[in-house]
C-alpha atoms as a PDB file:
ATOM      1  CA  MET A   1      -1.123   9.630   7.470  1.00  0.00           C
ATOM      2  CA  PHE A   2      -3.583   6.902   6.491  1.00  0.00           C
ATOM      3  CA  THR A   3      -5.260   3.887   8.096  1.00  0.00           C
ATOM      4  CA  GLY A   4      -5.214   1.269   5.345  1.00  0.00           C
ATOM      5  CA  ILE A   5      -9.011   1.230   5.028  1.00  0.00           C
ATOM      6  CA  ILE A   6      -9.535   1.555   1.281  1.00  0.00           C
ATOM      7  CA  GLN A   7     -12.333   3.906   0.307  1.00  0.00           C
ATOM      8  CA  GLU A   8     -12.502   3.016  -3.344  1.00  0.00           C
ATOM      9  CA  ALA A   9     -10.781   1.158  -6.157  1.00  0.00           C
ATOM     10  CA  GLY A  10     -10.211   3.775  -8.848  1.00  0.00           C
ATOM     11  CA  ILE A  11      -9.203   3.365 -12.478  1.00  0.00           C
ATOM     12  CA  LEU A  12      -5.913   4.559 -13.937  1.00  0.00           C
ATOM     13  CA  GLN A  13      -7.133   6.716 -16.796  1.00  0.00           C
ATOM     14  CA  SER A  14      -3.828   7.805 -18.319  1.00  0.00           C
ATOM     15  CA  LEU A  15      -0.058   7.934 -17.867  1.00  0.00           C
ATOM     16  CA  LEU A  16       1.971  10.757 -19.366  1.00  0.00           C
ATOM     17  CA  ALA A  17       5.692  10.118 -19.019  1.00  0.00           C
ATOM     18  CA  GLY A  18       8.242  12.941 -18.828  1.00  0.00           C
ATOM     19  CA  ASN A  19      12.014  13.045 -18.418  1.00  0.00           C
ATOM     20  CA  GLU A  20      11.988  13.150 -14.618  1.00  0.00           C
ATOM     21  CA  SER A  21       8.401  12.318 -13.686  1.00  0.00           C
ATOM     22  CA  THR A  22       5.121  10.859 -14.896  1.00  0.00           C
ATOM     23  CA  ASP A  23       1.610  12.262 -14.599  1.00  0.00           C
ATOM     24  CA  LEU A  24      -0.885   9.660 -13.409  1.00  0.00           C
ATOM     25  CA  THR A  25      -4.545  10.493 -13.894  1.00  0.00           C
ATOM     26  CA  ILE A  26      -7.025   8.430 -11.919  1.00  0.00           C
ATOM     27  CA  ARG A  27     -10.800   8.347 -12.181  1.00  0.00           C
ATOM     28  CA  ALA A  28     -12.746   7.854  -8.962  1.00  0.00           C
ATOM     29  CA  SER A  29     -16.351   8.382  -7.884  1.00  0.00           C
ATOM     30  CA  ALA A  30     -18.294  10.601  -5.486  1.00  0.00           C
ATOM     31  CA  ALA A  31     -16.094   9.936  -2.446  1.00  0.00           C
ATOM     32  CA  PHE A  32     -13.306  11.888  -4.176  1.00  0.00           C
ATOM     33  CA  HIS A  33     -15.348  14.629  -5.856  1.00  0.00           C
ATOM     34  CA  ASP A  34     -14.075  17.354  -3.525  1.00  0.00           C
ATOM     35  CA  VAL A  35     -10.356  16.532  -3.493  1.00  0.00           C
ATOM     36  CA  ALA A  36      -8.406  19.785  -3.180  1.00  0.00           C
ATOM     37  CA  LEU A  37      -5.286  20.815  -5.032  1.00  0.00           C
ATOM     38  CA  GLY A  38      -2.282  19.669  -2.968  1.00  0.00           C
ATOM     39  CA  GLU A  39      -4.223  17.055  -1.005  1.00  0.00           C
ATOM     40  CA  SER A  40      -2.476  13.810  -0.108  1.00  0.00           C
ATOM     41  CA  ILE A  41      -4.039  10.615  -1.458  1.00  0.00           C
ATOM     42  CA  ALA A  42      -2.747   7.074  -0.965  1.00  0.00           C
ATOM     43  CA  VAL A  43      -2.641   5.318  -4.350  1.00  0.00           C
ATOM     44  CA  ASN A  44      -1.880   1.611  -3.889  1.00  0.00           C
ATOM     45  CA  GLY A  45      -0.433   2.647  -0.549  1.00  0.00           C
ATOM     46  CA  VAL A  46       1.838   5.347  -2.002  1.00  0.00           C
ATOM     47  CA  CYS A  47       1.293   8.843  -0.620  1.00  0.00           C
ATOM     48  CA  LEU A  48       0.885  11.158  -3.627  1.00  0.00           C
ATOM     49  CA  THR A  49      -0.022  14.828  -3.996  1.00  0.00           C
ATOM     50  CA  ALA A  50      -2.924  15.839  -6.217  1.00  0.00           C
ATOM     51  CA  VAL A  51      -1.721  18.435  -8.733  1.00  0.00           C
ATOM     52  CA  ALA A  52      -5.133  18.616 -10.413  1.00  0.00           C
ATOM     53  CA  ALA A  53      -8.588  17.462  -9.345  1.00  0.00           C
ATOM     54  CA  ASN A  54     -12.025  17.865 -10.851  1.00  0.00           C
ATOM     55  CA  ALA A  55     -15.175  15.872 -10.031  1.00  0.00           C
ATOM     56  CA  GLY A  56     -13.305  12.730  -8.959  1.00  0.00           C
ATOM     57  CA  VAL A  57     -10.671  12.815 -11.714  1.00  0.00           C
ATOM     58  CA  MET A  58      -7.267  13.378 -10.084  1.00  0.00           C
ATOM     59  CA  THR A  59      -3.793  13.856 -11.513  1.00  0.00           C
ATOM     60  CA  PHE A  60      -0.598  13.114  -9.586  1.00  0.00           C
ATOM     61  CA  ASN A  61       2.967  13.989 -10.551  1.00  0.00           C
ATOM     62  CA  VAL A  62       5.061  10.914  -9.735  1.00  0.00           C
ATOM     63  CA  LEU A  63       8.851  11.069  -9.659  1.00  0.00           C
ATOM     64  CA  ASN A  64      10.786   8.415 -11.568  1.00  0.00           C
ATOM     65  CA  GLU A  65      12.333   7.259  -8.274  1.00  0.00           C
ATOM     66  CA  THR A  66       8.853   6.609  -6.880  1.00  0.00           C
ATOM     67  CA  LEU A  67       7.988   4.603  -9.987  1.00  0.00           C
ATOM     68  CA  ARG A  68      11.182   2.599  -9.526  1.00  0.00           C
ATOM     69  CA  VAL A  69      10.652   1.620  -5.878  1.00  0.00           C
ATOM     70  CA  THR A  70       6.897   0.933  -6.034  1.00  0.00           C
ATOM     71  CA  ASN A  71       4.521  -0.989  -8.288  1.00  0.00           C
ATOM     72  CA  LEU A  72       3.210   2.241  -9.847  1.00  0.00           C
ATOM     73  CA  GLY A  73       5.819   1.875 -12.563  1.00  0.00           C
ATOM     74  CA  TYR A  74       4.272  -1.445 -13.630  1.00  0.00           C
ATOM     75  CA  LEU A  75       0.708  -0.199 -14.037  1.00  0.00           C
ATOM     76  CA  ASP A  76      -1.043   0.011 -17.387  1.00  0.00           C
ATOM     77  CA  GLN A  77      -3.894   2.227 -18.483  1.00  0.00           C
ATOM     78  CA  GLY A  78      -7.145   0.828 -17.093  1.00  0.00           C
ATOM     79  CA  ALA A  79      -5.489  -0.694 -14.024  1.00  0.00           C
ATOM     80  CA  CYS A  80      -7.454  -0.824 -10.784  1.00  0.00           C
ATOM     81  CA  VAL A  81      -5.788   1.119  -7.932  1.00  0.00           C
ATOM     82  CA  ASN A  82      -6.622   1.383  -4.243  1.00  0.00           C
ATOM     83  CA  LEU A  83      -7.475   4.881  -3.016  1.00  0.00           C
ATOM     84  CA  GLU A  84      -7.616   6.371   0.468  1.00  0.00           C
ATOM     85  CA  ARG A  85      -7.861   9.978   1.583  1.00  0.00           C
ATOM     86  CA  SER A  86      -5.671  11.098   4.484  1.00  0.00           C
ATOM     87  CA  LEU A  87      -6.705  10.576   8.097  1.00  0.00           C
ATOM     88  CA  ARG A  88      -8.511  13.360   9.934  1.00  0.00           C
ATOM     89  CA  ALA A  89      -8.221  13.797  13.708  1.00  0.00           C
ATOM     90  CA  ALA A  90     -11.886  12.920  14.259  1.00  0.00           C
ATOM     91  CA  ASP A  91     -11.879   9.788  12.047  1.00  0.00           C
ATOM     92  CA  ARG A  92     -12.283   6.255  13.354  1.00  0.00           C
ATOM     93  CA  MET A  93      -9.019   4.291  13.383  1.00  0.00           C
ATOM     94  CA  GLY A  94     -10.244   1.207  11.557  1.00  0.00           C
ATOM     95  CA  GLY A  95      -6.892  -0.169  10.419  1.00  0.00           C
ATOM     96  CA  HIS A  96      -3.398   0.828  11.589  1.00  0.00           C
ATOM     97  CA  PHE A  97      -1.068   3.782  11.081  1.00  0.00           C
ATOM     98  CA  VAL A  98       0.033   3.782   7.419  1.00  0.00           C
ATOM     99  CA  THR A  99       2.406   6.521   6.271  1.00  0.00           C
ATOM    100  CA  GLY A 100       2.231   5.923   2.532  1.00  0.00           C
ATOM    101  CA  HIS A 101       6.009   5.409   2.375  1.00  0.00           C
ATOM    102  CA  VAL A 102       6.545   2.038   0.722  1.00  0.00           C
ATOM    103  CA  ASP A 103       9.273  -0.203   2.183  1.00  0.00           C
ATOM    104  CA  GLY A 104       9.473  -2.631  -0.722  1.00  0.00           C
ATOM    105  CA  VAL A 105       7.692  -4.441  -3.506  1.00  0.00           C
ATOM    106  CA  GLY A 106       6.516  -8.018  -3.059  1.00  0.00           C
ATOM    107  CA  ILE A 107       5.248 -10.582  -5.551  1.00  0.00           C
ATOM    108  CA  ILE A 108       2.052 -12.586  -5.172  1.00  0.00           C
ATOM    109  CA  GLN A 109       2.988 -16.278  -5.003  1.00  0.00           C
ATOM    110  CA  GLU A 110      -0.452 -17.713  -4.325  1.00  0.00           C
ATOM    111  CA  TRP A 111      -4.036 -16.504  -4.551  1.00  0.00           C
ATOM    112  CA  SER A 112      -6.524 -19.215  -3.735  1.00  0.00           C
ATOM    113  CA  GLN A 113     -10.037 -19.509  -2.349  1.00  0.00           C
ATOM    114  CA  SER A 114     -10.908 -21.499   0.764  1.00  0.00           C
ATOM    115  CA  GLY A 115     -14.610 -21.463   1.512  1.00  0.00           C
ATOM    116  CA  ASN A 116     -15.715 -17.825   1.323  1.00  0.00           C
ATOM    117  CA  ASP A 117     -12.263 -16.425   2.087  1.00  0.00           C
ATOM    118  CA  PHE A 118      -9.085 -16.035   0.060  1.00  0.00           C
ATOM    119  CA  LYS A 119      -5.497 -16.954   0.902  1.00  0.00           C
ATOM    120  CA  LEU A 120      -2.838 -14.484  -0.232  1.00  0.00           C
ATOM    121  CA  VAL A 121       0.828 -15.510  -0.120  1.00  0.00           C
ATOM    122  CA  ILE A 122       3.441 -12.874  -0.899  1.00  0.00           C
ATOM    123  CA  ASP A 123       7.185 -13.200  -1.425  1.00  0.00           C
ATOM    124  CA  CYS A 124       8.595 -10.030   0.113  1.00  0.00           C
ATOM    125  CA  PRO A 125      12.056  -8.477   0.533  1.00  0.00           C
ATOM    126  CA  GLU A 126      14.017  -9.789   3.508  1.00  0.00           C
ATOM    127  CA  ASP A 127      14.170  -6.397   5.242  1.00  0.00           C
ATOM    128  CA  VAL A 128      10.376  -6.129   5.108  1.00  0.00           C
ATOM    129  CA  ALA A 129       9.783  -9.690   6.305  1.00  0.00           C
ATOM    130  CA  SER A 130      12.126  -9.149   9.255  1.00  0.00           C
ATOM    131  CA  LEU A 131       9.865  -6.368  10.549  1.00  0.00           C
ATOM    132  CA  CYS A 132       6.682  -8.458  10.395  1.00  0.00           C
ATOM    133  CA  VAL A 133       5.231 -10.469  13.275  1.00  0.00           C
ATOM    134  CA  LYS A 134       2.449 -13.023  13.349  1.00  0.00           C
ATOM    135  CA  LYS A 135      -0.886 -11.317  14.046  1.00  0.00           C
ATOM    136  CA  GLY A 136       0.776  -7.968  13.365  1.00  0.00           C
ATOM    137  CA  SER A 137      -0.243  -5.438  10.727  1.00  0.00           C
ATOM    138  CA  ILE A 138       1.083  -4.863   7.236  1.00  0.00           C
ATOM    139  CA  SER A 139      -0.030  -2.607   4.409  1.00  0.00           C
ATOM    140  CA  ILE A 140      -0.363  -4.397   1.057  1.00  0.00           C
ATOM    141  CA  ASP A 141      -1.121  -1.988  -1.805  1.00  0.00           C
ATOM    142  CA  GLY A 142      -2.393   0.334   0.915  1.00  0.00           C
ATOM    143  CA  ILE A 143      -4.736  -2.239   2.490  1.00  0.00           C
ATOM    144  CA  SER A 144      -4.361  -2.739   6.245  1.00  0.00           C
ATOM    145  CA  LEU A 145      -4.100  -6.515   6.714  1.00  0.00           C
ATOM    146  CA  THR A 146      -3.158  -8.949   9.476  1.00  0.00           C
ATOM    147  CA  VAL A 147      -0.187 -11.288   9.027  1.00  0.00           C
ATOM    148  CA  ALA A 148      -1.434 -14.849   9.577  1.00  0.00           C
ATOM    149  CA  GLU A 149       1.878 -16.663   8.973  1.00  0.00           C
ATOM    150  CA  ILE A 150       5.519 -15.864   8.260  1.00  0.00           C
ATOM    151  CA  ASN A 151       7.562 -18.499   6.442  1.00  0.00           C
ATOM    152  CA  GLY A 152      10.979 -17.010   5.794  1.00  0.00           C
ATOM    153  CA  GLN A 153      10.322 -14.276   3.258  1.00  0.00           C
ATOM    154  CA  GLU A 154       6.780 -15.443   2.546  1.00  0.00           C
ATOM    155  CA  LEU A 155       3.874 -13.707   4.232  1.00  0.00           C
ATOM    156  CA  VAL A 156       0.417 -15.254   4.433  1.00  0.00           C
ATOM    157  CA  VAL A 157      -2.695 -13.124   4.906  1.00  0.00           C
ATOM    158  CA  TRP A 158      -6.363 -14.043   4.649  1.00  0.00           C
ATOM    159  CA  ILE A 159      -8.826 -11.872   2.741  1.00  0.00           C
ATOM    160  CA  ILE A 160     -12.561 -11.670   3.378  1.00  0.00           C
ATOM    161  CA  PRO A 161     -14.917 -11.274   0.385  1.00  0.00           C
ATOM    162  CA  HIS A 162     -15.713  -7.631   1.217  1.00  0.00           C
ATOM    163  CA  THR A 163     -12.025  -6.643   1.091  1.00  0.00           C
ATOM    164  CA  ARG A 164     -11.549  -8.504  -2.182  1.00  0.00           C
ATOM    165  CA  ASP A 165     -14.575  -6.849  -3.770  1.00  0.00           C
ATOM    166  CA  MET A 166     -13.720  -3.299  -2.612  1.00  0.00           C
ATOM    167  CA  THR A 167     -10.031  -3.283  -3.588  1.00  0.00           C
ATOM    168  CA  ASN A 168      -7.717  -4.203  -6.441  1.00  0.00           C
ATOM    169  CA  LEU A 169      -7.463  -7.702  -4.966  1.00  0.00           C
ATOM    170  CA  LYS A 170     -10.417  -8.622  -7.166  1.00  0.00           C
ATOM    171  CA  ASN A 171      -7.790  -8.770  -9.926  1.00  0.00           C
ATOM    172  CA  ALA A 172      -5.149 -10.583  -7.852  1.00  0.00           C
ATOM    173  CA  ARG A 173      -3.168 -13.438  -9.382  1.00  0.00           C
ATOM    174  CA  PRO A 174       0.318 -14.956  -8.963  1.00  0.00           C
ATOM    175  CA  GLY A 175       3.123 -12.825 -10.359  1.00  0.00           C
ATOM    176  CA  ILE A 176       1.537  -9.439  -9.652  1.00  0.00           C
ATOM    177  CA  LYS A 177       3.751  -6.934  -7.800  1.00  0.00           C
ATOM    178  CA  VAL A 178       2.344  -5.286  -4.661  1.00  0.00           C
ATOM    179  CA  ASN A 179       3.531  -2.391  -2.496  1.00  0.00           C
ATOM    180  CA  LEU A 180       4.457  -3.304   1.074  1.00  0.00           C
ATOM    181  CA  GLU A 181       4.740  -1.079   4.126  1.00  0.00           C
ATOM    182  CA  SER A 182       5.572  -2.714   7.437  1.00  0.00           C
ATOM    183  CA  ASP A 183       4.202  -1.463  10.741  1.00  0.00           C
ATOM    184  CA  MET A 184       5.745   1.877  11.724  1.00  0.00           C
ATOM    185  CA  ILE A 185       6.149   0.797  15.376  1.00  0.00           C
ATOM    186  CA  GLY A 186       8.308  -2.161  14.337  1.00  0.00           C
ATOM    187  CA  LYS A 187      10.555   0.102  12.252  1.00  0.00           C
ATOM    188  CA  TYR A 188      11.139   2.470  15.175  1.00  0.00           C
ATOM    189  CA  ILE A 189      11.961  -0.392  17.547  1.00  0.00           C
ATOM    190  CA  ASN A 190      14.322  -1.936  15.015  1.00  0.00           C
ATOM    191  CA  ASN A 191      16.123   1.383  14.504  1.00  0.00           C
ATOM    192  CA  ILE A 192      16.520   1.974  18.243  1.00  0.00           C
ATOM    193  CA  LEU A 193      17.887  -1.528  18.811  1.00  0.00           C
ATOM    194  CA  ASP A 194      20.336  -1.221  15.901  1.00  0.00           C
ATOM    195  CA  ALA A 195      21.645   2.085  17.293  1.00  0.00           C
ATOM    196  CA  ARG A 196      22.142   0.620  20.779  1.00  0.00           C
ATOM    197  CA  LEU A 197      23.871  -2.501  19.493  1.00  0.00           C
ATOM    198  CA  ALA A 198      26.158  -0.407  17.257  1.00  0.00           C
ATOM    199  CA  LYS A 199      27.350   1.388  20.411  1.00  0.00           C
ATOM    200  CA  GLY A 200      27.965  -1.909  22.193  1.00  0.00           C
ATOM    201  CA  GLN A 201      25.013  -1.363  24.523  1.00  0.00           C
ATOM    202  CA  THR A 202      22.932  -4.326  25.588  1.00  0.00           C
ATOM    203  CA  ILE A 203      19.244  -4.701  26.306  1.00  0.00           C
ATOM    204  CA  THR A 204      18.411  -5.883  29.833  1.00  0.00           C
END
């Protein structure tokens, strides 16, 4: 479990592809120097297990299916990736509950500056957009953000300079693919309602 508060933007050091999986090696700094073997780390919002770790250099074994359904399969060596260690019981809840299970991949349609802030417009899959509400939370490449507008399948969020500078959004531009995870509460409500309606039950 994560919160969507990015601790660092790491660098993808290498990719070693195999028949069924790929090893991703990421270089981070002091905040990740004590990562333990088997620890869960959110990489661009994808929950991955560290299979090797030494002084901030971490390797993750990523299944081909994970590469297919996330933007990890589009990354090149040297890419900037968002990193977050898992939530501890005593931690502050600065963002929202993020599971690290990506619901879909969106595409940046607009990245523009307005004053000191930045406007981010994302074209997202219909099933992800349907679970979003104005002023609700969404995870974009693992970043906990607030939905400012919903226009069909387009989501609009506003980014402050600190968030841009501390995440991979410093490299944002139209056409880039981003991982999306909608709010877990919305998914549970949607599932409960679908089950009731399938049985012919109504909501009063």
